[in-house]
Amino acid sequence: MTKNRAIFLAVLTALFLALPQPASAYVGPGTGITVIGGALAFIGSILLAIVGFIWYPVKRLWRALMSRRAKPTNSAADSPSS
């Protein structure tokens, strides 16, 4: 009998939650602009995190490789002649 009662309550709860309820809410223009600003700030922070964690280390590696390539590698010119 307890199993039937639990099933009945589950079905009753599902039916109750499925009924539409009127929303008594209003989003004013100030709130809408705040939400848009918050969303843009979130997207901007994600983009800056990508730049900070990916672009700058790649840029430093690129500069290090280019500075090694720019140095002369001719060891015969640097060695003293006898």
PDB file of N, CA and C in Angstrom:
ATOM      1  N   MET A   1       0.815  -1.189   0.000  1.00  0.00           N
ATOM      2  CA  MET A   1       0.000   0.000   0.000  1.00  0.00           C
ATOM      3  C   MET A   1       0.862   1.258   0.000  1.00  0.00           C
ATOM      4  N   THR A   2       2.007   1.236   0.637  1.00  0.00           N
ATOM      5  CA  THR A   2       2.887   2.396   0.679  1.00  0.00           C
ATOM      6  C   THR A   2       3.498   2.669  -0.696  1.00  0.00           C
ATOM      7  N   LYS A   3       3.750   1.602  -1.457  1.00  0.00           N
ATOM      8  CA  LYS A   3       4.318   1.785  -2.792  1.00  0.00           C
ATOM      9  C   LYS A   3       3.310   2.489  -3.704  1.00  0.00           C
ATOM     10  N   ASN A   4       2.045   2.079  -3.602  1.00  0.00           N
ATOM     11  CA  ASN A   4       0.997   2.721  -4.407  1.00  0.00           C
ATOM     12  C   ASN A   4       0.837   4.192  -4.023  1.00  0.00           C
ATOM     13  N   ARG A   5       0.939   4.473  -2.753  1.00  0.00           N
ATOM     14  CA  ARG A   5       0.804   5.866  -2.296  1.00  0.00           C
ATOM     15  C   ARG A   5       1.969   6.717  -2.801  1.00  0.00           C
ATOM     16  N   ALA A   6       3.188   6.148  -2.803  1.00  0.00           N
ATOM     17  CA  ALA A   6       4.352   6.882  -3.303  1.00  0.00           C
ATOM     18  C   ALA A   6       4.222   7.154  -4.796  1.00  0.00           C
ATOM     19  N   ILE A   7       3.718   6.169  -5.534  1.00  0.00           N
ATOM     20  CA  ILE A   7       3.516   6.367  -6.978  1.00  0.00           C
ATOM     21  C   ILE A   7       2.452   7.428  -7.210  1.00  0.00           C
ATOM     22  N   PHE A   8       1.362   7.364  -6.437  1.00  0.00           N
ATOM     23  CA  PHE A   8       0.295   8.361  -6.560  1.00  0.00           C
ATOM     24  C   PHE A   8       0.826   9.768  -6.283  1.00  0.00           C
ATOM     25  N   LEU A   9       1.611   9.926  -5.243  1.00  0.00           N
ATOM     26  CA  LEU A   9       2.175  11.240  -4.916  1.00  0.00           C
ATOM     27  C   LEU A   9       3.145  11.720  -5.987  1.00  0.00           C
ATOM     28  N   ALA A  10       3.925  10.813  -6.562  1.00  0.00           N
ATOM     29  CA  ALA A  10       4.864  11.190  -7.623  1.00  0.00           C
ATOM     30  C   ALA A  10       4.118  11.657  -8.861  1.00  0.00           C
ATOM     31  N   VAL A  11       3.054  10.928  -9.231  1.00  0.00           N
ATOM     32  CA  VAL A  11       2.253  11.318 -10.397  1.00  0.00           C
ATOM     33  C   VAL A  11       1.539  12.635 -10.126  1.00  0.00           C
ATOM     34  N   LEU A  12       0.983  12.793  -8.946  1.00  0.00           N
ATOM     35  CA  LEU A  12       0.300  14.038  -8.591  1.00  0.00           C
ATOM     36  C   LEU A  12       1.265  15.227  -8.616  1.00  0.00           C
ATOM     37  N   THR A  13       2.469  15.033  -8.107  1.00  0.00           N
ATOM     38  CA  THR A  13       3.484  16.096  -8.116  1.00  0.00           C
ATOM     39  C   THR A  13       3.890  16.446  -9.542  1.00  0.00           C
ATOM     40  N   ALA A  14       4.082  15.422 -10.398  1.00  0.00           N
ATOM     41  CA  ALA A  14       4.452  15.670 -11.794  1.00  0.00           C
ATOM     42  C   ALA A  14       3.355  16.440 -12.520  1.00  0.00           C
ATOM     43  N   LEU A  15       2.102  16.073 -12.272  1.00  0.00           N
ATOM     44  CA  LEU A  15       0.994  16.801 -12.899  1.00  0.00           C
ATOM     45  C   LEU A  15       0.904  18.237 -12.399  1.00  0.00           C
ATOM     46  N   PHE A  16       1.124  18.430 -11.130  1.00  0.00           N
ATOM     47  CA  PHE A  16       1.090  19.776 -10.557  1.00  0.00           C
ATOM     48  C   PHE A  16       2.191  20.647 -11.145  1.00  0.00           C
ATOM     49  N   LEU A  17       3.389  20.076 -11.303  1.00  0.00           N
ATOM     50  CA  LEU A  17       4.504  20.844 -11.866  1.00  0.00           C
ATOM     51  C   LEU A  17       4.340  21.100 -13.359  1.00  0.00           C
ATOM     52  N   ALA A  18       3.557  20.265 -14.045  1.00  0.00           N
ATOM     53  CA  ALA A  18       3.351  20.427 -15.478  1.00  0.00           C
ATOM     54  C   ALA A  18       2.357  21.536 -15.810  1.00  0.00           C
ATOM     55  N   LEU A  19       1.524  21.939 -14.841  1.00  0.00           N
ATOM     56  CA  LEU A  19       0.550  22.997 -15.085  1.00  0.00           C
ATOM     57  C   LEU A  19       1.258  24.349 -15.193  1.00  0.00           C
ATOM     58  N   PRO A  20       0.846  25.155 -16.172  1.00  0.00           N
ATOM     59  CA  PRO A  20       1.485  26.466 -16.303  1.00  0.00           C
ATOM     60  C   PRO A  20       1.077  27.399 -15.164  1.00  0.00           C
ATOM     61  N   GLN A  21       2.015  28.150 -14.679  1.00  0.00           N
ATOM     62  CA  GLN A  21       1.774  29.121 -13.619  1.00  0.00           C
ATOM     63  C   GLN A  21       2.068  30.517 -14.171  1.00  0.00           C
ATOM     64  N   PRO A  22       1.220  31.492 -13.885  1.00  0.00           N
ATOM     65  CA  PRO A  22       1.504  32.845 -14.373  1.00  0.00           C
ATOM     66  C   PRO A  22       2.719  33.429 -13.655  1.00  0.00           C
ATOM     67  N   ALA A  23       3.552  34.110 -14.425  1.00  0.00           N
ATOM     68  CA  ALA A  23       4.734  34.750 -13.855  1.00  0.00           C
ATOM     69  C   ALA A  23       4.398  36.204 -13.553  1.00  0.00           C
ATOM     70  N   SER A  24       4.490  36.572 -12.312  1.00  0.00           N
ATOM     71  CA  SER A  24       4.234  37.949 -11.917  1.00  0.00           C
ATOM     72  C   SER A  24       5.577  38.658 -11.755  1.00  0.00           C
ATOM     73  N   ALA A  25       6.188  38.951 -12.884  1.00  0.00           N
ATOM     74  CA  ALA A  25       7.519  39.551 -12.833  1.00  0.00           C
ATOM     75  C   ALA A  25       7.618  40.631 -13.909  1.00  0.00           C
ATOM     76  N   TYR A  26       8.466  41.593 -13.650  1.00  0.00           N
ATOM     77  CA  TYR A  26       8.713  42.673 -14.601  1.00  0.00           C
ATOM     78  C   TYR A  26      10.193  42.974 -14.595  1.00  0.00           C
ATOM     79  N   VAL A  27      10.761  43.006 -15.781  1.00  0.00           N
ATOM     80  CA  VAL A  27      12.167  43.368 -15.918  1.00  0.00           C
ATOM     81  C   VAL A  27      12.197  44.747 -16.555  1.00  0.00           C
ATOM     82  N   GLY A  28      12.611  45.713 -15.781  1.00  0.00           N
ATOM     83  CA  GLY A  28      12.649  47.079 -16.267  1.00  0.00           C
ATOM     84  C   GLY A  28      13.847  47.320 -17.169  1.00  0.00           C
ATOM     85  N   PRO A  29      13.909  48.488 -17.777  1.00  0.00           N
ATOM     86  CA  PRO A  29      15.018  48.779 -18.685  1.00  0.00           C
ATOM     87  C   PRO A  29      16.370  48.821 -17.970  1.00  0.00           C
ATOM     88  N   GLY A  30      16.390  49.271 -16.737  1.00  0.00           N
ATOM     89  CA  GLY A  30      17.655  49.311 -16.002  1.00  0.00           C
ATOM     90  C   GLY A  30      18.198  47.919 -15.727  1.00  0.00           C
ATOM     91  N   THR A  31      17.295  47.011 -15.390  1.00  0.00           N
ATOM     92  CA  THR A  31      17.706  45.631 -15.128  1.00  0.00           C
ATOM     93  C   THR A  31      18.182  44.959 -16.403  1.00  0.00           C
ATOM     94  N   GLY A  32      17.502  45.224 -17.499  1.00  0.00           N
ATOM     95  CA  GLY A  32      17.901  44.640 -18.781  1.00  0.00           C
ATOM     96  C   GLY A  32      19.287  45.098 -19.207  1.00  0.00           C
ATOM     97  N   ILE A  33      19.571  46.390 -19.036  1.00  0.00           N
ATOM     98  CA  ILE A  33      20.885  46.920 -19.385  1.00  0.00           C
ATOM     99  C   ILE A  33      21.959  46.341 -18.471  1.00  0.00           C
ATOM    100  N   THR A  34      21.623  46.135 -17.206  1.00  0.00           N
ATOM    101  CA  THR A  34      22.570  45.535 -16.270  1.00  0.00           C
ATOM    102  C   THR A  34      22.898  44.103 -16.668  1.00  0.00           C
ATOM    103  N   VAL A  35      21.886  43.351 -17.084  1.00  0.00           N
ATOM    104  CA  VAL A  35      22.110  41.970 -17.515  1.00  0.00           C
ATOM    105  C   VAL A  35      22.978  41.947 -18.773  1.00  0.00           C
ATOM    106  N   ILE A  36      22.708  42.826 -19.710  1.00  0.00           N
ATOM    107  CA  ILE A  36      23.516  42.889 -20.930  1.00  0.00           C
ATOM    108  C   ILE A  36      24.959  43.271 -20.587  1.00  0.00           C
ATOM    109  N   GLY A  37      25.139  44.237 -19.708  1.00  0.00           N
ATOM    110  CA  GLY A  37      26.488  44.633 -19.295  1.00  0.00           C
ATOM    111  C   GLY A  37      27.222  43.512 -18.584  1.00  0.00           C
ATOM    112  N   GLY A  38      26.520  42.787 -17.739  1.00  0.00           N
ATOM    113  CA  GLY A  38      27.136  41.650 -17.056  1.00  0.00           C
ATOM    114  C   GLY A  38      27.542  40.555 -18.025  1.00  0.00           C
ATOM    115  N   ALA A  39      26.696  40.297 -19.019  1.00  0.00           N
ATOM    116  CA  ALA A  39      27.021  39.280 -20.022  1.00  0.00           C
ATOM    117  C   ALA A  39      28.243  39.704 -20.836  1.00  0.00           C
ATOM    118  N   LEU A  40      28.296  40.974 -21.216  1.00  0.00           N
ATOM    119  CA  LEU A  40      29.460  41.456 -21.974  1.00  0.00           C
ATOM    120  C   LEU A  40      30.736  41.410 -21.132  1.00  0.00           C
ATOM    121  N   ALA A  41      30.619  41.724 -19.852  1.00  0.00           N
ATOM    122  CA  ALA A  41      31.783  41.649 -18.965  1.00  0.00           C
ATOM    123  C   ALA A  41      32.254  40.207 -18.817  1.00  0.00           C
ATOM    124  N   PHE A  42      31.319  39.273 -18.731  1.00  0.00           N
ATOM    125  CA  PHE A  42      31.683  37.858 -18.624  1.00  0.00           C
ATOM    126  C   PHE A  42      32.392  37.384 -19.881  1.00  0.00           C
ATOM    127  N   ILE A  43      31.864  37.731 -21.043  1.00  0.00           N
ATOM    128  CA  ILE A  43      32.493  37.339 -22.309  1.00  0.00           C
ATOM    129  C   ILE A  43      33.866  37.985 -22.428  1.00  0.00           C
ATOM    130  N   GLY A  44      33.975  39.246 -22.035  1.00  0.00           N
ATOM    131  CA  GLY A  44      35.269  39.923 -22.078  1.00  0.00           C
ATOM    132  C   GLY A  44      36.289  39.292 -21.156  1.00  0.00           C
ATOM    133  N   SER A  45      35.854  38.871 -19.978  1.00  0.00           N
ATOM    134  CA  SER A  45      36.791  38.228 -19.054  1.00  0.00           C
ATOM    135  C   SER A  45      37.255  36.886 -19.592  1.00  0.00           C
ATOM    136  N   ILE A  46      36.384  36.161 -20.259  1.00  0.00           N
ATOM    137  CA  ILE A  46      36.789  34.887 -20.878  1.00  0.00           C
ATOM    138  C   ILE A  46      37.817  35.147 -21.973  1.00  0.00           C
ATOM    139  N   LEU A  47      37.580  36.149 -22.795  1.00  0.00           N
ATOM    140  CA  LEU A  47      38.528  36.467 -23.869  1.00  0.00           C
ATOM    141  C   LEU A  47      39.875  36.925 -23.304  1.00  0.00           C
ATOM    142  N   LEU A  48      39.859  37.732 -22.265  1.00  0.00           N
ATOM    143  CA  LEU A  48      41.114  38.160 -21.660  1.00  0.00           C
ATOM    144  C   LEU A  48      41.853  37.012 -20.986  1.00  0.00           C
ATOM    145  N   ALA A  49      41.118  36.068 -20.433  1.00  0.00           N
ATOM    146  CA  ALA A  49      41.759  34.885 -19.852  1.00  0.00           C
ATOM    147  C   ALA A  49      42.445  34.064 -20.934  1.00  0.00           C
ATOM    148  N   ILE A  50      41.800  33.946 -22.095  1.00  0.00           N
ATOM    149  CA  ILE A  50      42.418  33.229 -23.214  1.00  0.00           C
ATOM    150  C   ILE A  50      43.678  33.950 -23.657  1.00  0.00           C
ATOM    151  N   VAL A  51      43.609  35.265 -23.751  1.00  0.00           N
ATOM    152  CA  VAL A  51      44.788  36.040 -24.149  1.00  0.00           C
ATOM    153  C   VAL A  51      45.905  35.877 -23.119  1.00  0.00           C
ATOM    154  N   GLY A  52      45.554  35.945 -21.851  1.00  0.00           N
ATOM    155  CA  GLY A  52      46.567  35.869 -20.804  1.00  0.00           C
ATOM    156  C   GLY A  52      47.226  34.509 -20.694  1.00  0.00           C
ATOM    157  N   PHE A  53      46.457  33.460 -20.871  1.00  0.00           N
ATOM    158  CA  PHE A  53      46.999  32.124 -20.662  1.00  0.00           C
ATOM    159  C   PHE A  53      47.553  31.488 -21.925  1.00  0.00           C
ATOM    160  N   ILE A  54      47.150  31.970 -23.081  1.00  0.00           N
ATOM    161  CA  ILE A  54      47.615  31.346 -24.322  1.00  0.00           C
ATOM    162  C   ILE A  54      48.498  32.288 -25.129  1.00  0.00           C
ATOM    163  N   TRP A  55      48.035  33.497 -25.396  1.00  0.00           N
ATOM    164  CA  TRP A  55      48.744  34.378 -26.309  1.00  0.00           C
ATOM    165  C   TRP A  55      50.090  34.843 -25.761  1.00  0.00           C
ATOM    166  N   TYR A  56      50.151  35.306 -24.533  1.00  0.00           N
ATOM    167  CA  TYR A  56      51.404  35.851 -24.014  1.00  0.00           C
ATOM    168  C   TYR A  56      52.521  34.812 -23.911  1.00  0.00           C
ATOM    169  N   PRO A  57      52.281  33.599 -23.432  1.00  0.00           N
ATOM    170  CA  PRO A  57      53.374  32.611 -23.465  1.00  0.00           C
ATOM    171  C   PRO A  57      53.825  32.269 -24.886  1.00  0.00           C
ATOM    172  N   VAL A  58      52.889  32.199 -25.822  1.00  0.00           N
ATOM    173  CA  VAL A  58      53.254  31.937 -27.219  1.00  0.00           C
ATOM    174  C   VAL A  58      54.075  33.098 -27.765  1.00  0.00           C
ATOM    175  N   LYS A  59      53.693  34.301 -27.404  1.00  0.00           N
ATOM    176  CA  LYS A  59      54.416  35.488 -27.867  1.00  0.00           C
ATOM    177  C   LYS A  59      55.842  35.501 -27.307  1.00  0.00           C
ATOM    178  N   ARG A  60      56.007  35.155 -26.039  1.00  0.00           N
ATOM    179  CA  ARG A  60      57.349  35.107 -25.436  1.00  0.00           C
ATOM    180  C   ARG A  60      58.200  34.020 -26.084  1.00  0.00           C
ATOM    181  N   LEU A  61      57.592  32.872 -26.369  1.00  0.00           N
ATOM    182  CA  LEU A  61      58.320  31.797 -27.043  1.00  0.00           C
ATOM    183  C   LEU A  61      58.744  32.230 -28.436  1.00  0.00           C
ATOM    184  N   TRP A  62      57.858  32.890 -29.159  1.00  0.00           N
ATOM    185  CA  TRP A  62      58.164  33.371 -30.506  1.00  0.00           C
ATOM    186  C   TRP A  62      59.325  34.368 -30.470  1.00  0.00           C
ATOM    187  N   ARG A  63      59.290  35.298 -29.524  1.00  0.00           N
ATOM    188  CA  ARG A  63      60.376  36.274 -29.411  1.00  0.00           C
ATOM    189  C   ARG A  63      61.698  35.598 -29.061  1.00  0.00           C
ATOM    190  N   ALA A  64      61.658  34.592 -28.182  1.00  0.00           N
ATOM    191  CA  ALA A  64      62.879  33.876 -27.829  1.00  0.00           C
ATOM    192  C   ALA A  64      63.447  33.145 -29.042  1.00  0.00           C
ATOM    193  N   LEU A  65      62.599  32.538 -29.822  1.00  0.00           N
ATOM    194  CA  LEU A  65      63.071  31.843 -31.022  1.00  0.00           C
ATOM    195  C   LEU A  65      63.629  32.822 -32.046  1.00  0.00           C
ATOM    196  N   MET A  66      62.982  33.961 -32.198  1.00  0.00           N
ATOM    197  CA  MET A  66      63.465  34.956 -33.165  1.00  0.00           C
ATOM    198  C   MET A  66      64.781  35.581 -32.705  1.00  0.00           C
ATOM    199  N   SER A  67      64.977  35.759 -31.407  1.00  0.00           N
ATOM    200  CA  SER A  67      66.233  36.343 -30.939  1.00  0.00           C
ATOM    201  C   SER A  67      67.385  35.349 -31.108  1.00  0.00           C
ATOM    202  N   ARG A  68      67.120  34.069 -30.960  1.00  0.00           N
ATOM    203  CA  ARG A  68      68.164  33.066 -31.217  1.00  0.00           C
ATOM    204  C   ARG A  68      68.531  33.022 -32.688  1.00  0.00           C
ATOM    205  N   ARG A  69      67.553  33.192 -33.534  1.00  0.00           N
ATOM    206  CA  ARG A  69      67.795  33.139 -34.968  1.00  0.00           C
ATOM    207  C   ARG A  69      68.575  34.372 -35.436  1.00  0.00           C
ATOM    208  N   ALA A  70      68.401  35.501 -34.772  1.00  0.00           N
ATOM    209  CA  ALA A  70      69.053  36.745 -35.177  1.00  0.00           C
ATOM    210  C   ALA A  70      70.527  36.784 -34.788  1.00  0.00           C
ATOM    211  N   LYS A  71      70.939  36.007 -33.789  1.00  0.00           N
ATOM    212  CA  LYS A  71      72.344  36.009 -33.358  1.00  0.00           C
ATOM    213  C   LYS A  71      73.212  35.315 -34.401  1.00  0.00           C
ATOM    214  N   PRO A  72      74.421  35.832 -34.644  1.00  0.00           N
ATOM    215  CA  PRO A  72      75.314  35.158 -35.603  1.00  0.00           C
ATOM    216  C   PRO A  72      75.785  33.825 -35.028  1.00  0.00           C
ATOM    217  N   THR A  73      75.839  32.827 -35.885  1.00  0.00           N
ATOM    218  CA  THR A  73      76.231  31.497 -35.447  1.00  0.00           C
ATOM    219  C   THR A  73      77.596  31.099 -36.022  1.00  0.00           C
ATOM    220  N   ASN A  74      78.308  32.021 -36.649  1.00  0.00           N
ATOM    221  CA  ASN A  74      79.599  31.712 -37.256  1.00  0.00           C
ATOM    222  C   ASN A  74      80.650  31.661 -36.152  1.00  0.00           C
ATOM    223  N   SER A  75      81.064  30.467 -35.754  1.00  0.00           N
ATOM    224  CA  SER A  75      82.025  30.331 -34.668  1.00  0.00           C
ATOM    225  C   SER A  75      83.452  30.581 -35.144  1.00  0.00           C
ATOM    226  N   ALA A  76      83.715  30.502 -36.432  1.00  0.00           N
ATOM    227  CA  ALA A  76      85.069  30.736 -36.956  1.00  0.00           C
ATOM    228  C   ALA A  76      85.448  32.198 -36.818  1.00  0.00           C
ATOM    229  N   ALA A  77      84.495  33.110 -36.914  1.00  0.00           N
ATOM    230  CA  ALA A  77      84.795  34.524 -36.799  1.00  0.00           C
ATOM    231  C   ALA A  77      85.058  34.902 -35.344  1.00  0.00           C
ATOM    232  N   ASP A  78      84.489  34.182 -34.399  1.00  0.00           N
ATOM    233  CA  ASP A  78      84.663  34.488 -32.997  1.00  0.00           C
ATOM    234  C   ASP A  78      85.951  33.888 -32.408  1.00  0.00           C
ATOM    235  N   SER A  79      86.492  32.852 -33.016  1.00  0.00           N
ATOM    236  CA  SER A  79      87.679  32.204 -32.457  1.00  0.00           C
ATOM    237  C   SER A  79      88.944  32.962 -32.867  1.00  0.00           C
ATOM    238  N   PRO A  80      89.908  33.071 -31.932  1.00  0.00           N
ATOM    239  CA  PRO A  80      91.160  33.782 -32.275  1.00  0.00           C
ATOM    240  C   PRO A  80      92.000  32.935 -33.228  1.00  0.00           C
ATOM    241  N   SER A  81      92.593  33.621 -34.175  1.00  0.00           N
ATOM    242  CA  SER A  81      93.447  32.894 -35.137  1.00  0.00           C
ATOM    243  C   SER A  81      94.866  32.791 -34.601  1.00  0.00           C
ATOM    244  N   SER A  82      95.534  31.676 -34.888  1.00  0.00           N
ATOM    245  CA  SER A  82      96.886  31.486 -34.394  1.00  0.00           C
ATOM    246  C   SER A  82      97.927  31.761 -35.425  1.00  0.00           C
TER     247      SER A  82
END
